Amino acid sequence: LREEALPMILGCDAAGHDEDGNEV
């Protein structure tokens, strides 16, 4: 991670809802 990219939200993995409400 480059310093110029900070502040950076961490996390690679996720599951949730897309813009149409589908589970993804």
PDB file of all heavy atoms in Angstrom:
ATOM      1  N   LEU A   1       0.856  -1.192   0.000  1.00  0.00           N
ATOM      2  CA  LEU A   1       0.000   0.000   0.000  1.00  0.00           C
ATOM      3  C   LEU A   1       0.886   1.234   0.000  1.00  0.00           C
ATOM      4  O   LEU A   1       1.789   1.367   0.830  1.00  0.00           O
ATOM      5  CB  LEU A   1      -0.914  -0.018   1.230  1.00  0.00           C
ATOM      6  CG  LEU A   1      -1.913   1.129   1.394  1.00  0.00           C
ATOM      7  CD1 LEU A   1      -2.867   1.205   0.211  1.00  0.00           C
ATOM      8  CD2 LEU A   1      -2.708   0.949   2.696  1.00  0.00           C
ATOM      9  N   ARG A   2       0.610   2.130  -0.958  1.00  0.00           N
ATOM     10  CA  ARG A   2       1.434   3.338  -1.082  1.00  0.00           C
ATOM     11  C   ARG A   2       0.925   4.435  -0.142  1.00  0.00           C
ATOM     12  O   ARG A   2      -0.286   4.564   0.066  1.00  0.00           O
ATOM     13  CB  ARG A   2       1.400   3.844  -2.520  1.00  0.00           C
ATOM     14  CG  ARG A   2       2.036   2.898  -3.535  1.00  0.00           C
ATOM     15  CD  ARG A   2       1.841   3.380  -4.964  1.00  0.00           C
ATOM     16  NE  ARG A   2       0.436   3.308  -5.365  1.00  0.00           N
ATOM     17  CZ  ARG A   2      -0.356   4.347  -5.523  1.00  0.00           C
ATOM     18  NH1 ARG A   2       0.104   5.567  -5.333  1.00  0.00           N
ATOM     19  NH2 ARG A   2      -1.602   4.184  -5.897  1.00  0.00           N
ATOM     20  N   GLU A   3       1.849   5.207   0.386  1.00  0.00           N
ATOM     21  CA  GLU A   3       1.468   6.246   1.334  1.00  0.00           C
ATOM     22  C   GLU A   3       0.540   7.276   0.697  1.00  0.00           C
ATOM     23  O   GLU A   3      -0.359   7.798   1.353  1.00  0.00           O
ATOM     24  CB  GLU A   3       2.718   6.928   1.889  1.00  0.00           C
ATOM     25  CG  GLU A   3       2.433   7.873   3.037  1.00  0.00           C
ATOM     26  CD  GLU A   3       3.695   8.316   3.752  1.00  0.00           C
ATOM     27  OE1 GLU A   3       4.794   7.928   3.315  1.00  0.00           O
ATOM     28  OE2 GLU A   3       3.569   9.046   4.756  1.00  0.00           O
ATOM     29  N   GLU A   4       0.754   7.535  -0.612  1.00  0.00           N
ATOM     30  CA  GLU A   4      -0.092   8.538  -1.269  1.00  0.00           C
ATOM     31  C   GLU A   4      -1.535   8.071  -1.444  1.00  0.00           C
ATOM     32  O   GLU A   4      -2.415   8.870  -1.781  1.00  0.00           O
ATOM     33  CB  GLU A   4       0.497   8.938  -2.627  1.00  0.00           C
ATOM     34  CG  GLU A   4       0.779   7.796  -3.568  1.00  0.00           C
ATOM     35  CD  GLU A   4       2.204   7.306  -3.477  1.00  0.00           C
ATOM     36  OE1 GLU A   4       2.787   7.360  -2.369  1.00  0.00           O
ATOM     37  OE2 GLU A   4       2.740   6.869  -4.509  1.00  0.00           O
ATOM     38  N   ALA A   5      -1.797   6.760  -1.226  1.00  0.00           N
ATOM     39  CA  ALA A   5      -3.160   6.235  -1.325  1.00  0.00           C
ATOM     40  C   ALA A   5      -3.947   6.411  -0.028  1.00  0.00           C
ATOM     41  O   ALA A   5      -5.163   6.185  -0.003  1.00  0.00           O
ATOM     42  CB  ALA A   5      -3.140   4.758  -1.706  1.00  0.00           C
ATOM     43  N   LEU A   6      -3.260   6.807   1.057  1.00  0.00           N
ATOM     44  CA  LEU A   6      -3.928   6.977   2.347  1.00  0.00           C
ATOM     45  C   LEU A   6      -4.786   8.230   2.369  1.00  0.00           C
ATOM     46  O   LEU A   6      -4.478   9.206   1.680  1.00  0.00           O
ATOM     47  CB  LEU A   6      -2.874   7.050   3.453  1.00  0.00           C
ATOM     48  CG  LEU A   6      -2.016   5.794   3.644  1.00  0.00           C
ATOM     49  CD1 LEU A   6      -0.959   6.043   4.716  1.00  0.00           C
ATOM     50  CD2 LEU A   6      -2.856   4.586   3.989  1.00  0.00           C
ATOM     51  N   PRO A   7      -5.854   8.239   3.159  1.00  0.00           N
ATOM     52  CA  PRO A   7      -6.387   7.129   3.957  1.00  0.00           C
ATOM     53  C   PRO A   7      -7.058   6.074   3.069  1.00  0.00           C
ATOM     54  O   PRO A   7      -7.714   6.423   2.086  1.00  0.00           O
ATOM     55  CB  PRO A   7      -7.391   7.796   4.887  1.00  0.00           C
ATOM     56  CG  PRO A   7      -7.816   9.028   4.165  1.00  0.00           C
ATOM     57  CD  PRO A   7      -6.631   9.482   3.366  1.00  0.00           C
ATOM     58  N   MET A   8      -6.873   4.804   3.421  1.00  0.00           N
ATOM     59  CA  MET A   8      -7.403   3.699   2.626  1.00  0.00           C
ATOM     60  C   MET A   8      -8.325   2.827   3.476  1.00  0.00           C
ATOM     61  O   MET A   8      -7.920   2.349   4.537  1.00  0.00           O
ATOM     62  CB  MET A   8      -6.257   2.845   2.079  1.00  0.00           C
ATOM     63  CG  MET A   8      -6.690   1.584   1.347  1.00  0.00           C
ATOM     64  SD  MET A   8      -7.720   1.906  -0.139  1.00  0.00           S
ATOM     65  CE  MET A   8      -6.464   2.570  -1.258  1.00  0.00           C
ATOM     66  N   ILE A   9      -9.539   2.635   2.991  1.00  0.00           N
ATOM     67  CA  ILE A   9     -10.442   1.675   3.633  1.00  0.00           C
ATOM     68  C   ILE A   9      -9.899   0.276   3.383  1.00  0.00           C
ATOM     69  O   ILE A   9      -9.576  -0.089   2.254  1.00  0.00           O
ATOM     70  CB  ILE A   9     -11.873   1.812   3.083  1.00  0.00           C
ATOM     71  CG1 ILE A   9     -12.428   3.209   3.390  1.00  0.00           C
ATOM     72  CG2 ILE A   9     -12.785   0.736   3.679  1.00  0.00           C
ATOM     73  CD1 ILE A   9     -13.769   3.495   2.735  1.00  0.00           C
ATOM     74  N   LEU A  10      -9.763  -0.498   4.439  1.00  0.00           N
ATOM     75  CA  LEU A  10      -9.200  -1.839   4.346  1.00  0.00           C
ATOM     76  C   LEU A  10     -10.269  -2.853   3.944  1.00  0.00           C
ATOM     77  O   LEU A  10     -11.443  -2.531   3.854  1.00  0.00           O
ATOM     78  CB  LEU A  10      -8.566  -2.227   5.682  1.00  0.00           C
ATOM     79  CG  LEU A  10      -7.466  -1.283   6.176  1.00  0.00           C
ATOM     80  CD1 LEU A  10      -7.017  -1.666   7.579  1.00  0.00           C
ATOM     81  CD2 LEU A  10      -6.288  -1.285   5.214  1.00  0.00           C
ATOM     82  N   GLY A  11      -9.824  -4.083   3.701  1.00  0.00           N
ATOM     83  CA  GLY A  11     -10.756  -5.163   3.389  1.00  0.00           C
ATOM     84  C   GLY A  11     -10.780  -5.531   1.926  1.00  0.00           C
ATOM     85  O   GLY A  11     -10.912  -4.670   1.054  1.00  0.00           O
ATOM     86  N   CYS A  12     -10.621  -6.843   1.658  1.00  0.00           N
ATOM     87  CA  CYS A  12     -10.712  -7.372   0.292  1.00  0.00           C
ATOM     88  C   CYS A  12     -12.027  -8.100   0.047  1.00  0.00           C
ATOM     89  O   CYS A  12     -12.502  -8.148  -1.084  1.00  0.00           O
ATOM     90  CB  CYS A  12      -9.565  -8.355   0.028  1.00  0.00           C
ATOM     91  SG  CYS A  12      -7.913  -7.706   0.275  1.00  0.00           S
ATOM     92  N   ASP A  13     -12.573  -8.699   1.102  1.00  0.00           N
ATOM     93  CA  ASP A  13     -13.698  -9.630   0.956  1.00  0.00           C
ATOM     94  C   ASP A  13     -15.001  -9.014   1.423  1.00  0.00           C
ATOM     95  O   ASP A  13     -15.034  -8.321   2.448  1.00  0.00           O
ATOM     96  CB  ASP A  13     -13.451 -10.881   1.804  1.00  0.00           C
ATOM     97  CG  ASP A  13     -12.222 -11.660   1.395  1.00  0.00           C
ATOM     98  OD1 ASP A  13     -11.655 -11.342   0.341  1.00  0.00           O
ATOM     99  OD2 ASP A  13     -11.845 -12.583   2.132  1.00  0.00           O
ATOM    100  N   ALA A  14     -16.073  -9.324   0.706  1.00  0.00           N
ATOM    101  CA  ALA A  14     -17.392  -8.852   1.140  1.00  0.00           C
ATOM    102  C   ALA A  14     -18.496  -9.629   0.454  1.00  0.00           C
ATOM    103  O   ALA A  14     -18.321 -10.165  -0.649  1.00  0.00           O
ATOM    104  CB  ALA A  14     -17.559  -7.358   0.853  1.00  0.00           C
ATOM    105  N   ALA A  15     -19.631  -9.666   1.118  1.00  0.00           N
ATOM    106  CA  ALA A  15     -20.879 -10.139   0.528  1.00  0.00           C
ATOM    107  C   ALA A  15     -21.968  -9.157   0.940  1.00  0.00           C
ATOM    108  O   ALA A  15     -21.914  -8.571   2.023  1.00  0.00           O
ATOM    109  CB  ALA A  15     -21.209 -11.551   1.008  1.00  0.00           C
ATOM    110  N   GLY A  16     -22.936  -8.972   0.048  1.00  0.00           N
ATOM    111  CA  GLY A  16     -23.995  -8.008   0.341  1.00  0.00           C
ATOM    112  C   GLY A  16     -25.006  -7.953  -0.770  1.00  0.00           C
ATOM    113  O   GLY A  16     -25.254  -8.954  -1.458  1.00  0.00           O
ATOM    114  N   HIS A  17     -25.594  -6.775  -0.958  1.00  0.00           N
ATOM    115  CA  HIS A  17     -26.620  -6.586  -1.980  1.00  0.00           C
ATOM    116  C   HIS A  17     -26.110  -5.644  -3.067  1.00  0.00           C
ATOM    117  O   HIS A  17     -25.487  -4.622  -2.764  1.00  0.00           O
ATOM    118  CB  HIS A  17     -27.891  -5.983  -1.370  1.00  0.00           C
ATOM    119  CG  HIS A  17     -28.603  -6.904  -0.426  1.00  0.00           C
ATOM    120  ND1 HIS A  17     -28.568  -6.742   0.948  1.00  0.00           N
ATOM    121  CD2 HIS A  17     -29.360  -8.010  -0.663  1.00  0.00           C
ATOM    122  CE1 HIS A  17     -29.287  -7.690   1.512  1.00  0.00           C
ATOM    123  NE2 HIS A  17     -29.770  -8.476   0.563  1.00  0.00           N
ATOM    124  N   ASP A  18     -26.373  -6.008  -4.341  1.00  0.00           N
ATOM    125  CA  ASP A  18     -26.038  -5.083  -5.425  1.00  0.00           C
ATOM    126  C   ASP A  18     -27.106  -4.006  -5.537  1.00  0.00           C
ATOM    127  O   ASP A  18     -28.044  -3.949  -4.728  1.00  0.00           O
ATOM    128  CB  ASP A  18     -25.821  -5.842  -6.741  1.00  0.00           C
ATOM    129  CG  ASP A  18     -27.091  -6.478  -7.294  1.00  0.00           C
ATOM    130  OD1 ASP A  18     -28.208  -6.181  -6.788  1.00  0.00           O
ATOM    131  OD2 ASP A  18     -26.987  -7.270  -8.251  1.00  0.00           O
ATOM    132  N   GLU A  19     -26.974  -3.150  -6.535  1.00  0.00           N
ATOM    133  CA  GLU A  19     -27.882  -2.017  -6.648  1.00  0.00           C
ATOM    134  C   GLU A  19     -29.324  -2.430  -6.926  1.00  0.00           C
ATOM    135  O   GLU A  19     -30.259  -1.646  -6.713  1.00  0.00           O
ATOM    136  CB  GLU A  19     -27.379  -1.088  -7.757  1.00  0.00           C
ATOM    137  CG  GLU A  19     -26.068  -0.396  -7.389  1.00  0.00           C
ATOM    138  CD  GLU A  19     -25.517   0.428  -8.542  1.00  0.00           C
ATOM    139  OE1 GLU A  19     -25.873   0.143  -9.703  1.00  0.00           O
ATOM    140  OE2 GLU A  19     -24.731   1.357  -8.272  1.00  0.00           O
ATOM    141  N   ASP A  20     -29.533  -3.674  -7.418  1.00  0.00           N
ATOM    142  CA  ASP A  20     -30.880  -4.181  -7.678  1.00  0.00           C
ATOM    143  C   ASP A  20     -31.404  -5.037  -6.539  1.00  0.00           C
ATOM    144  O   ASP A  20     -32.476  -5.642  -6.663  1.00  0.00           O
ATOM    145  CB  ASP A  20     -30.891  -4.997  -8.977  1.00  0.00           C
ATOM    146  CG  ASP A  20     -30.523  -4.159 -10.195  1.00  0.00           C
ATOM    147  OD1 ASP A  20     -30.968  -2.993 -10.252  1.00  0.00           O
ATOM    148  OD2 ASP A  20     -29.786  -4.658 -11.066  1.00  0.00           O
ATOM    149  N   GLY A  21     -30.646  -5.121  -5.446  1.00  0.00           N
ATOM    150  CA  GLY A  21     -31.086  -5.892  -4.297  1.00  0.00           C
ATOM    151  C   GLY A  21     -30.719  -7.360  -4.338  1.00  0.00           C
ATOM    152  O   GLY A  21     -31.113  -8.117  -3.442  1.00  0.00           O
ATOM    153  N   ASN A  22     -29.960  -7.781  -5.364  1.00  0.00           N
ATOM    154  CA  ASN A  22     -29.548  -9.178  -5.444  1.00  0.00           C
ATOM    155  C   ASN A  22     -28.447  -9.477  -4.431  1.00  0.00           C
ATOM    156  O   ASN A  22     -27.599  -8.623  -4.159  1.00  0.00           O
ATOM    157  CB  ASN A  22     -29.028  -9.495  -6.848  1.00  0.00           C
ATOM    158  CG  ASN A  22     -30.071  -9.260  -7.923  1.00  0.00           C
ATOM    159  OD1 ASN A  22     -31.175  -9.790  -7.855  1.00  0.00           O
ATOM    160  ND2 ASN A  22     -29.735  -8.440  -8.909  1.00  0.00           N
ATOM    161  N   GLU A  23     -28.435 -10.701  -3.902  1.00  0.00           N
ATOM    162  CA  GLU A  23     -27.391 -11.124  -2.979  1.00  0.00           C
ATOM    163  C   GLU A  23     -26.158 -11.528  -3.777  1.00  0.00           C
ATOM    164  O   GLU A  23     -26.242 -12.375  -4.673  1.00  0.00           O
ATOM    165  CB  GLU A  23     -27.883 -12.288  -2.107  1.00  0.00           C
ATOM    166  CG  GLU A  23     -29.054 -11.888  -1.224  1.00  0.00           C
ATOM    167  CD  GLU A  23     -29.488 -12.998  -0.282  1.00  0.00           C
ATOM    168  OE1 GLU A  23     -28.962 -14.126  -0.388  1.00  0.00           O
ATOM    169  OE2 GLU A  23     -30.355 -12.732   0.579  1.00  0.00           O
ATOM    170  N   VAL A  24     -25.015 -10.940  -3.447  1.00  0.00           N
ATOM    171  CA  VAL A  24     -23.807 -11.132  -4.268  1.00  0.00           C
ATOM    172  C   VAL A  24     -22.578 -11.303  -3.391  1.00  0.00           C
ATOM    173  O   VAL A  24     -22.554 -10.946  -2.211  1.00  0.00           O
ATOM    174  CB  VAL A  24     -23.592  -9.938  -5.225  1.00  0.00           C
ATOM    175  CG1 VAL A  24     -24.749  -9.809  -6.209  1.00  0.00           C
ATOM    176  CG2 VAL A  24     -23.396  -8.633  -4.446  1.00  0.00           C
TER     177      VAL A  24
END
